[in-house]
Each structure stands twice: as structure tokens, then as C-alpha cells.
Amino acid sequence: LFNTLSPDGKEVELQSFIERLHVAGLMDQRDKRLKVMKKIIAEVGGRGKCFYGVKLDIHGFARLVDLDKNLMLRALVNNLVIPNFGDFIQKVNYSFELQQSNIAGQIPEDPCPLDKINEDSWAVAVCTIDGQRCFFGDHNTQFCLKGQVKPFLIGFALKKLGIEYVEKFVGHF
């Protein structure tokens, strides 16, 4: 893997390594799995956010990759659950923009602990099983999933437990 990323077989550019992970959908600030990696990057690259010119020898590269070899390898060879994450982000963003002006529907009447949220808030967030993440809109705004989750929970219960069992607790279908 080192030789794949190193044109001369001696060093890998830290900025290029970080960009490859970012393009793969990793390197989100909230990803706790990468906390140690970010600490090592800060040690190797200094305090700045720009690492152009900073080079990693094979030992520095191994320090970063060894933290999660499987994830790093799959990310660097474009083999995560969503291989072309940039294309995926464009499609999600297109859908986000397309639906942003859709104000159809009603806000549920039942009380929710977060019912003081601006009803015009709109966000889309995606996190894959590999930890690839993207966010659009008001993604930092807290909200209540109560009504939105019911169809998924009922569907999941139906699949796992069957209609006869679920019907006893939910009502009728």
C-alpha cells in the first residue's frame, strides 16, 4: 500500500493521504475511531491544517495505517461500502436541494421533548457501516424522531415477529 501511494517508494505526502481518506468519506471530525489518527497527524504535521510538503516515511505511514489496517486499506483502494463516495454525495445533495422546498405534510400534534424546534429546519445526514459520512442543511439542530421512526420500527417488528404478534401491541393494519 505504501508503494502504491509513494511515487519514489520512500515517502508519502501526508496531505495526499488525508485527501484520499476525505474523498472516501472518512475524516469527519465526529468520528471517534480516527481520534488517535488525528493526534498522530498533528504530531507529524504540526498544528496547521495544511500539510503540503509534510512527508511520511514508511514508519510514519505505518503508524497511521496500523490504527485500523482493514479500514485504511479499503479506503485507500476505494473499496468501502460506497466506493465512489463523491458521486454519492452529489446525488444526495441533489435530492436534498430538490426536496428542500417541499413543505407538504403536517407536524404531529403529540408532544415531543424537542417540540420547540423551527419547523423550517431541513437536513439530511448519512453514515454508512464503514463510517463514511456526509451532512447537508441544519444537521447540527436537534430534533425528535418520534413520528418519523414509527413506520420503520413497525416494518422491522413485522419482519422479525410477524403480523399476528405485532398486531397485539400496535393495533390493526
Foldseek 3Di string as FASTA:
>chain_A
DCCVQDVVLFKHQPQVLVVLLVQLQDDDPPPPLCPVLVVLCCVQQPDDPDRPPRIDGPVSVCVNCVSPVVLSVCSNVQNDPHSRVVVVVVVVVVVQVVCLPPPDDDDDPDDDPPVVDDPSFGKDWDQDPSGRIDIDTPVVDDDDCVVVCVVVVLVVCCVVPNDVVVCVPPPHD
